[in-house]
Amino acid sequence: MNVTREEPGRGRASLSVIIPTLDEARSIGATLDAVAAVRGVVEVIVADGGSRDGTLEILRARGVRVVECGRGRGLQMHAGAAAARGRALWFLHADTLAPPDAAERIAAALADAEVAGGNFRIRFDGERKAARFLTWLYPRLRRLGLCYGDSGIFVRRDAYERVGGFNHFPIFEDLDLVRRLRRAGRVVHLPATVVTSSRRFEGRSFALTFARWSALQALYWLGVHPRRLARLYEKK
């Protein structure tokens, strides 16, 4: 995989795609294949938090640029952003598939100087009730101003730097960033769709998992620190 594609006469990549990984050998190949099909100038950086399942071997075999750092999505994505060269940053989860016109749509959105960033429509894969329910639910949550990392958050680099980037939170780092990003400009929603995995809801009670996640979010908005919430989240 050619991880940085630059047109003749062009220097800096217009868009850097930053993917955090931790033991993503099952998913990362398909995600990278989808990113490789994105039209335009795209730099790809994977920020790995200590994978031991063969993820790093897959990345190296593909020639992907890897930033190795500590574990935690907030920390990893910030490390990837620090290494990126793009004028815009797109944070994509390792089990999420990008549409081919993603870079064009991001560029069009950021052509408006008032736009600081945004996200995509999301569809959860599979035919299980959980996947269908979450695909239905996310647009409703968006109306409440909630914007999650699995929907492919993108941001203008200068806006990202101005608000301080991702905090090193192990959970809800996405909500935290978007909350601060809205102070720097508009956060828009694009009509294109990213497809993400519903794997974390497989093999377990969806009702219980969803209830726990909802409770953690309520605690977050009540002011409980994400690091404390992460300890509760890990007690499965």
Foldseek 3Di string as FASTA:
>chain_A
DPQWDDDPPDDFFQEEEEEEDAQLPVQQVQQVVLVVLADGTYHYEYEYADHDNCPVVVCVVVVHHYHYDHDAVLVRRVSRLVVGRHQKYKYAYSQKGDHNHVVVQQVVQVVPVQEFWAFEQEFADDDDPLRVVVSVCVVVVVVVVDDDNNRIIMGGSVLCVVLPHFDRFRPPSVVVSSVSSVVRGDYDYDHDYMYGYPVVCPPDPNVVVVVLVVVLVVVVVVPDDRNVSVVVVVPD
